[in-house]
C-alpha atoms as a PDB file:
ATOM      1  CA  UNK A   1      -6.827  -7.030 -29.535  1.00  0.00           C
ATOM      2  CA  UNK A   2      -8.497  -9.290 -27.062  1.00  0.00           C
ATOM      3  CA  UNK A   3      -5.622 -10.185 -25.584  1.00  0.00           C
ATOM      4  CA  UNK A   4      -4.503  -6.663 -24.892  1.00  0.00           C
ATOM      5  CA  UNK A   5      -8.056  -5.608 -23.838  1.00  0.00           C
ATOM      6  CA  UNK A   6      -7.774  -8.701 -21.197  1.00  0.00           C
ATOM      7  CA  UNK A   7      -4.475  -7.184 -19.847  1.00  0.00           C
ATOM      8  CA  UNK A   8      -5.734  -3.955 -19.485  1.00  0.00           C
ATOM      9  CA  UNK A   9      -8.529  -5.039 -17.702  1.00  0.00           C
ATOM     10  CA  UNK A  10      -6.684  -7.237 -15.522  1.00  0.00           C
ATOM     11  CA  UNK A  11      -4.505  -3.832 -14.376  1.00  0.00           C
ATOM     12  CA  UNK A  12      -7.491  -2.234 -13.478  1.00  0.00           C
ATOM     13  CA  UNK A  13      -8.609  -4.933 -11.512  1.00  0.00           C
ATOM     14  CA  UNK A  14      -5.627  -5.276  -9.933  1.00  0.00           C
ATOM     15  CA  UNK A  15      -5.604  -1.374  -9.003  1.00  0.00           C
ATOM     16  CA  UNK A  16      -8.524  -2.203  -6.802  1.00  0.00           C
ATOM     17  CA  UNK A  17      -6.822  -1.408  -3.196  1.00  0.00           C
ATOM     18  CA  UNK A  18      -9.362  -3.488  -0.867  1.00  0.00           C
ATOM     19  CA  UNK A  19      -6.776  -2.651   1.876  1.00  0.00           C
ATOM     20  CA  UNK A  20      -7.397   0.974   1.038  1.00  0.00           C
ATOM     21  CA  UNK A  21     -11.459   0.479   0.684  1.00  0.00           C
ATOM     22  CA  UNK A  22     -11.645  -1.661   3.782  1.00  0.00           C
ATOM     23  CA  UNK A  23      -9.449   1.115   5.966  1.00  0.00           C
ATOM     24  CA  UNK A  24     -11.829   3.381   4.748  1.00  0.00           C
ATOM     25  CA  UNK A  25     -15.241   1.336   5.580  1.00  0.00           C
ATOM     26  CA  UNK A  26     -13.890  -0.078   8.828  1.00  0.00           C
ATOM     27  CA  UNK A  27     -12.142   3.108  10.423  1.00  0.00           C
ATOM     28  CA  UNK A  28     -12.720   6.046   7.890  1.00  0.00           C
ATOM     29  CA  UNK A  29      -8.504   6.074   7.641  1.00  0.00           C
ATOM     30  CA  UNK A  30      -5.767   5.894   4.863  1.00  0.00           C
ATOM     31  CA  UNK A  31      -4.039   2.971   5.453  1.00  0.00           C
ATOM     32  CA  UNK A  32      -1.149   4.200   3.885  1.00  0.00           C
ATOM     33  CA  UNK A  33      -0.692   6.726   6.829  1.00  0.00           C
ATOM     34  CA  UNK A  34      -0.685   4.359   9.702  1.00  0.00           C
ATOM     35  CA  UNK A  35       1.527   1.776  10.475  1.00  0.00           C
ATOM     36  CA  UNK A  36       3.973   0.510   7.849  1.00  0.00           C
ATOM     37  CA  UNK A  37       2.277   2.852   5.081  1.00  0.00           C
ATOM     38  CA  UNK A  38       1.638  -0.279   2.916  1.00  0.00           C
ATOM     39  CA  UNK A  39      -1.698  -0.546   1.430  1.00  0.00           C
ATOM     40  CA  UNK A  40      -1.892  -4.568   2.066  1.00  0.00           C
ATOM     41  CA  UNK A  41      -2.809  -7.370   4.259  1.00  0.00           C
ATOM     42  CA  UNK A  42      -0.309  -7.397   6.492  1.00  0.00           C
ATOM     43  CA  UNK A  43      -0.778  -3.592   7.467  1.00  0.00           C
ATOM     44  CA  UNK A  44      -4.059  -4.022   7.790  1.00  0.00           C
ATOM     45  CA  UNK A  45      -3.255  -6.786  10.149  1.00  0.00           C
ATOM     46  CA  UNK A  46      -1.281  -4.344  12.213  1.00  0.00           C
ATOM     47  CA  UNK A  47      -3.630  -1.482  12.003  1.00  0.00           C
ATOM     48  CA  UNK A  48      -6.878  -2.842  11.836  1.00  0.00           C
ATOM     49  CA  UNK A  49      -7.045  -6.796  12.984  1.00  0.00           C
ATOM     50  CA  UNK A  50      -7.158 -10.052  12.301  1.00  0.00           C
ATOM     51  CA  UNK A  51     -10.883  -9.826  10.528  1.00  0.00           C
ATOM     52  CA  UNK A  52      -9.969  -7.211   8.147  1.00  0.00           C
ATOM     53  CA  UNK A  53      -6.844  -8.478   7.254  1.00  0.00           C
ATOM     54  CA  UNK A  54      -7.802 -11.744   6.277  1.00  0.00           C
ATOM     55  CA  UNK A  55     -11.258 -10.094   4.116  1.00  0.00           C
ATOM     56  CA  UNK A  56      -8.351  -7.927   2.375  1.00  0.00           C
ATOM     57  CA  UNK A  57      -5.947 -10.915   1.820  1.00  0.00           C
ATOM     58  CA  UNK A  58      -8.469 -13.020   0.504  1.00  0.00           C
ATOM     59  CA  UNK A  59      -9.890 -10.666  -2.185  1.00  0.00           C
ATOM     60  CA  UNK A  60      -6.141  -9.547  -2.976  1.00  0.00           C
ATOM     61  CA  UNK A  61      -5.769 -13.096  -4.097  1.00  0.00           C
ATOM     62  CA  UNK A  62      -9.420 -13.324  -5.807  1.00  0.00           C
ATOM     63  CA  UNK A  63      -8.625 -10.290  -8.321  1.00  0.00           C
ATOM     64  CA  UNK A  64      -5.378 -11.931  -9.036  1.00  0.00           C
ATOM     65  CA  UNK A  65      -7.364 -15.500  -9.699  1.00  0.00           C
ATOM     66  CA  UNK A  66     -10.060 -13.565 -11.929  1.00  0.00           C
ATOM     67  CA  UNK A  67      -7.320 -11.788 -13.605  1.00  0.00           C
ATOM     68  CA  UNK A  68      -5.308 -15.093 -15.085  1.00  0.00           C
ATOM     69  CA  UNK A  69      -8.995 -16.718 -15.611  1.00  0.00           C
ATOM     70  CA  UNK A  70      -9.579 -13.860 -18.022  1.00  0.00           C
ATOM     71  CA  UNK A  71      -6.546 -14.176 -19.691  1.00  0.00           C
ATOM     72  CA  UNK A  72      -6.718 -18.162 -20.252  1.00  0.00           C
ATOM     73  CA  UNK A  73     -10.468 -17.522 -21.356  1.00  0.00           C
ATOM     74  CA  UNK A  74      -9.329 -14.866 -23.936  1.00  0.00           C
ATOM     75  CA  UNK A  75      -6.407 -16.651 -25.093  1.00  0.00           C
ATOM     76  CA  UNK A  76      -6.414 -20.781 -24.313  1.00  0.00           C
ATOM     77  CA  UNK A  77      -3.504 -21.774 -26.266  1.00  0.00           C
ATOM     78  CA  UNK A  78      -1.104 -18.755 -25.473  1.00  0.00           C
ATOM     79  CA  UNK A  79       0.197 -19.393 -22.404  1.00  0.00           C
ATOM     80  CA  UNK A  80       1.531 -15.979 -22.093  1.00  0.00           C
ATOM     81  CA  UNK A  81      -1.714 -14.024 -22.104  1.00  0.00           C
ATOM     82  CA  UNK A  82      -2.882 -15.628 -18.727  1.00  0.00           C
ATOM     83  CA  UNK A  83       0.714 -15.070 -17.756  1.00  0.00           C
ATOM     84  CA  UNK A  84       0.740 -11.093 -18.807  1.00  0.00           C
ATOM     85  CA  UNK A  85      -2.739 -10.599 -17.322  1.00  0.00           C
ATOM     86  CA  UNK A  86      -1.394 -11.816 -14.255  1.00  0.00           C
ATOM     87  CA  UNK A  87       1.539  -9.745 -14.187  1.00  0.00           C
ATOM     88  CA  UNK A  88      -0.878  -7.090 -14.935  1.00  0.00           C
ATOM     89  CA  UNK A  89      -2.995  -7.534 -11.855  1.00  0.00           C
ATOM     90  CA  UNK A  90       0.558  -7.418  -9.811  1.00  0.00           C
ATOM     91  CA  UNK A  91       1.257  -4.284 -11.468  1.00  0.00           C
ATOM     92  CA  UNK A  92      -2.051  -2.518 -10.264  1.00  0.00           C
ATOM     93  CA  UNK A  93      -1.520  -3.904  -7.206  1.00  0.00           C
ATOM     94  CA  UNK A  94       1.654  -2.262  -6.797  1.00  0.00           C
ATOM     95  CA  UNK A  95       1.160   0.911  -8.372  1.00  0.00           C
ATOM     96  CA  UNK A  96      -2.869   1.215  -8.439  1.00  0.00           C
ATOM     97  CA  UNK A  97      -4.344   3.762 -11.368  1.00  0.00           C
ATOM     98  CA  UNK A  98      -7.074   4.814  -9.005  1.00  0.00           C
ATOM     99  CA  UNK A  99      -5.113   5.069  -5.995  1.00  0.00           C
ATOM    100  CA  UNK A 100      -2.325   7.836  -6.929  1.00  0.00           C
ATOM    101  CA  UNK A 101       0.125   4.603  -7.826  1.00  0.00           C
ATOM    102  CA  UNK A 102       0.408   4.040  -4.234  1.00  0.00           C
ATOM    103  CA  UNK A 103      -0.070   0.320  -3.418  1.00  0.00           C
ATOM    104  CA  UNK A 104       0.922  -2.869  -1.930  1.00  0.00           C
ATOM    105  CA  UNK A 105       3.723  -5.003  -2.423  1.00  0.00           C
ATOM    106  CA  UNK A 106       1.659  -7.694  -4.385  1.00  0.00           C
ATOM    107  CA  UNK A 107       2.469 -10.660  -2.312  1.00  0.00           C
ATOM    108  CA  UNK A 108      -1.256 -11.746  -1.635  1.00  0.00           C
ATOM    109  CA  UNK A 109      -1.981 -10.817  -5.315  1.00  0.00           C
ATOM    110  CA  UNK A 110       1.048 -12.948  -6.508  1.00  0.00           C
ATOM    111  CA  UNK A 111      -0.332 -15.852  -4.526  1.00  0.00           C
ATOM    112  CA  UNK A 112      -3.631 -15.797  -6.494  1.00  0.00           C
ATOM    113  CA  UNK A 113      -1.782 -15.456  -9.406  1.00  0.00           C
ATOM    114  CA  UNK A 114       0.621 -18.475  -9.151  1.00  0.00           C
ATOM    115  CA  UNK A 115      -2.267 -20.553  -7.849  1.00  0.00           C
ATOM    116  CA  UNK A 116      -3.969 -20.264 -10.766  1.00  0.00           C
ATOM    117  CA  UNK A 117      -1.205 -20.748 -13.298  1.00  0.00           C
ATOM    118  CA  UNK A 118       0.795 -23.459 -11.376  1.00  0.00           C
ATOM    119  CA  UNK A 119      -1.227 -24.390  -8.223  1.00  0.00           C
ATOM    120  CA  UNK A 120       1.182 -27.430  -7.081  1.00  0.00           C
ATOM    121  CA  UNK A 121       4.407 -25.361  -7.321  1.00  0.00           C
ATOM    122  CA  UNK A 122       2.942 -22.411  -5.614  1.00  0.00           C
ATOM    123  CA  UNK A 123       1.353 -24.722  -2.819  1.00  0.00           C
ATOM    124  CA  UNK A 124       5.013 -25.904  -2.095  1.00  0.00           C
ATOM    125  CA  UNK A 125       6.774 -22.597  -2.216  1.00  0.00           C
ATOM    126  CA  UNK A 126       3.831 -21.333  -0.211  1.00  0.00           C
ATOM    127  CA  UNK A 127       4.314 -24.003   2.777  1.00  0.00           C
ATOM    128  CA  UNK A 128       8.159 -23.427   2.796  1.00  0.00           C
ATOM    129  CA  UNK A 129       7.004 -19.585   3.200  1.00  0.00           C
ATOM    130  CA  UNK A 130       4.734 -20.228   6.172  1.00  0.00           C
ATOM    131  CA  UNK A 131       7.253 -22.220   7.981  1.00  0.00           C
ATOM    132  CA  UNK A 132       9.455 -19.706   7.719  1.00  0.00           C
ATOM    133  CA  UNK A 133       6.708 -17.135   9.075  1.00  0.00           C
ATOM    134  CA  UNK A 134       6.268 -19.306  11.817  1.00  0.00           C
ATOM    135  CA  UNK A 135       9.839 -19.830  12.863  1.00  0.00           C
ATOM    136  CA  UNK A 136      11.268 -16.217  12.029  1.00  0.00           C
ATOM    137  CA  UNK A 137       7.944 -14.191  12.643  1.00  0.00           C
ATOM    138  CA  UNK A 138       9.010 -12.323   9.500  1.00  0.00           C
ATOM    139  CA  UNK A 139       6.164 -11.829   7.127  1.00  0.00           C
ATOM    140  CA  UNK A 140       8.394 -10.005   4.513  1.00  0.00           C
ATOM    141  CA  UNK A 141      10.913 -12.853   4.942  1.00  0.00           C
ATOM    142  CA  UNK A 142       8.284 -15.528   4.349  1.00  0.00           C
ATOM    143  CA  UNK A 143       7.134 -13.329   0.996  1.00  0.00           C
ATOM    144  CA  UNK A 144      10.808 -13.173  -0.138  1.00  0.00           C
ATOM    145  CA  UNK A 145      11.249 -17.174   0.394  1.00  0.00           C
ATOM    146  CA  UNK A 146       7.676 -17.448  -1.639  1.00  0.00           C
ATOM    147  CA  UNK A 147       8.891 -15.743  -4.679  1.00  0.00           C
ATOM    148  CA  UNK A 148      12.324 -17.075  -4.587  1.00  0.00           C
ATOM    149  CA  UNK A 149      11.582 -20.322  -4.537  1.00  0.00           C
ATOM    150  CA  UNK A 150       8.810 -20.126  -7.157  1.00  0.00           C
ATOM    151  CA  UNK A 151      10.966 -20.547 -10.266  1.00  0.00           C
ATOM    152  CA  UNK A 152      13.059 -23.053  -8.952  1.00  0.00           C
ATOM    153  CA  UNK A 153      10.251 -25.318  -7.923  1.00  0.00           C
ATOM    154  CA  UNK A 154       8.382 -24.187 -11.376  1.00  0.00           C
ATOM    155  CA  UNK A 155      11.646 -25.308 -13.111  1.00  0.00           C
ATOM    156  CA  UNK A 156      12.107 -28.623 -11.207  1.00  0.00           C
ATOM    157  CA  UNK A 157       8.470 -29.619 -11.713  1.00  0.00           C
ATOM    158  CA  UNK A 158       8.505 -28.925 -15.856  1.00  0.00           C
ATOM    159  CA  UNK A 159       6.069 -26.552 -16.194  1.00  0.00           C
ATOM    160  CA  UNK A 160       5.527 -24.582 -18.951  1.00  0.00           C
ATOM    161  CA  UNK A 161       8.061 -21.870 -20.003  1.00  0.00           C
ATOM    162  CA  UNK A 162       6.116 -18.873 -20.133  1.00  0.00           C
ATOM    163  CA  UNK A 163       5.195 -19.491 -16.300  1.00  0.00           C
ATOM    164  CA  UNK A 164       8.816 -19.890 -15.347  1.00  0.00           C
ATOM    165  CA  UNK A 165       9.831 -16.812 -16.795  1.00  0.00           C
ATOM    166  CA  UNK A 166       6.995 -15.090 -15.669  1.00  0.00           C
ATOM    167  CA  UNK A 167       7.692 -16.113 -12.245  1.00  0.00           C
ATOM    168  CA  UNK A 168      11.060 -14.677 -12.458  1.00  0.00           C
ATOM    169  CA  UNK A 169       9.804 -11.432 -13.005  1.00  0.00           C
ATOM    170  CA  UNK A 170       7.403 -11.649 -10.196  1.00  0.00           C
ATOM    171  CA  UNK A 171      10.205 -12.254  -7.972  1.00  0.00           C
ATOM    172  CA  UNK A 172      12.100  -9.255  -9.382  1.00  0.00           C
ATOM    173  CA  UNK A 173       8.814  -7.123  -8.212  1.00  0.00           C
ATOM    174  CA  UNK A 174       8.813  -8.758  -5.002  1.00  0.00           C
ATOM    175  CA  UNK A 175      12.390  -7.991  -4.106  1.00  0.00           C
ATOM    176  CA  UNK A 176      12.352  -4.430  -5.387  1.00  0.00           C
ATOM    177  CA  UNK A 177       8.946  -3.585  -3.612  1.00  0.00           C
ATOM    178  CA  UNK A 178      10.511  -5.555  -0.193  1.00  0.00           C
ATOM    179  CA  UNK A 179      13.741  -3.770  -0.413  1.00  0.00           C
ATOM    180  CA  UNK A 180      13.243  -1.248   2.701  1.00  0.00           C
ATOM    181  CA  UNK A 181      12.325  -4.671   4.197  1.00  0.00           C
ATOM    182  CA  UNK A 182      15.879  -6.466   3.137  1.00  0.00           C
ATOM    183  CA  UNK A 183      17.592  -3.683   4.680  1.00  0.00           C
ATOM    184  CA  UNK A 184      15.692  -4.035   7.874  1.00  0.00           C
ATOM    185  CA  UNK A 185      16.270  -7.787   7.877  1.00  0.00           C
ATOM    186  CA  UNK A 186      20.143  -7.177   7.253  1.00  0.00           C
ATOM    187  CA  UNK A 187      20.487  -4.809  10.149  1.00  0.00           C
ATOM    188  CA  UNK A 188      17.785  -6.923  12.691  1.00  0.00           C
ATOM    189  CA  UNK A 189      15.391  -3.830  12.659  1.00  0.00           C
ATOM    190  CA  UNK A 190      12.450  -5.815  10.622  1.00  0.00           C
ATOM    191  CA  UNK A 191       8.994  -5.983  13.002  1.00  0.00           C
ATOM    192  CA  UNK A 192       7.940  -9.501  13.620  1.00  0.00           C
ATOM    193  CA  UNK A 193       4.276 -10.395  12.835  1.00  0.00           C
ATOM    194  CA  UNK A 194       2.149  -9.357  16.426  1.00  0.00           C
ATOM    195  CA  UNK A 195       5.040  -6.735  17.147  1.00  0.00           C
ATOM    196  CA  UNK A 196       3.946  -3.267  17.543  1.00  0.00           C
ATOM    197  CA  UNK A 197       4.698  -0.695  15.007  1.00  0.00           C
END
């Protein structure tokens, strides 16, 4: 029962949309009606600028770290509980109950989850993803690179199977949420970071 409560709490924690809240506080707007329409750090950068975007990014990472930590605390000997708490926080971010199930794409939350579950594989995948963003200026491509690399790095580094399978599920979430970006990337119509919407 404690594990179930931890997973539900993690979903509710993930459902706190900091992009929406900060956009309301800073500009009095619904971030989902501006820019790309996504309630996440990248669109916050596009609409509100660097400061608010960094704040959203940090808070989205932190809420995921807290969610996984709750899972580890509730059931320290069962890795699946921590993994499921992490997945629940990402689901909450993507489909938040507090905001009509219209959220973000879950990459900052994914970073928080994976850094807490397996720091080194997340760091390696993250560095490669950041390099891809620097070279191409496509944040969406970097996000996809990060989530696609994670299972391979986790497997190569011999991390627990629960984390490996969790990373595959997270990768599916990421690719589903970025399906419109994938189409734009293929067509050469995706917006680059720093470009006007």
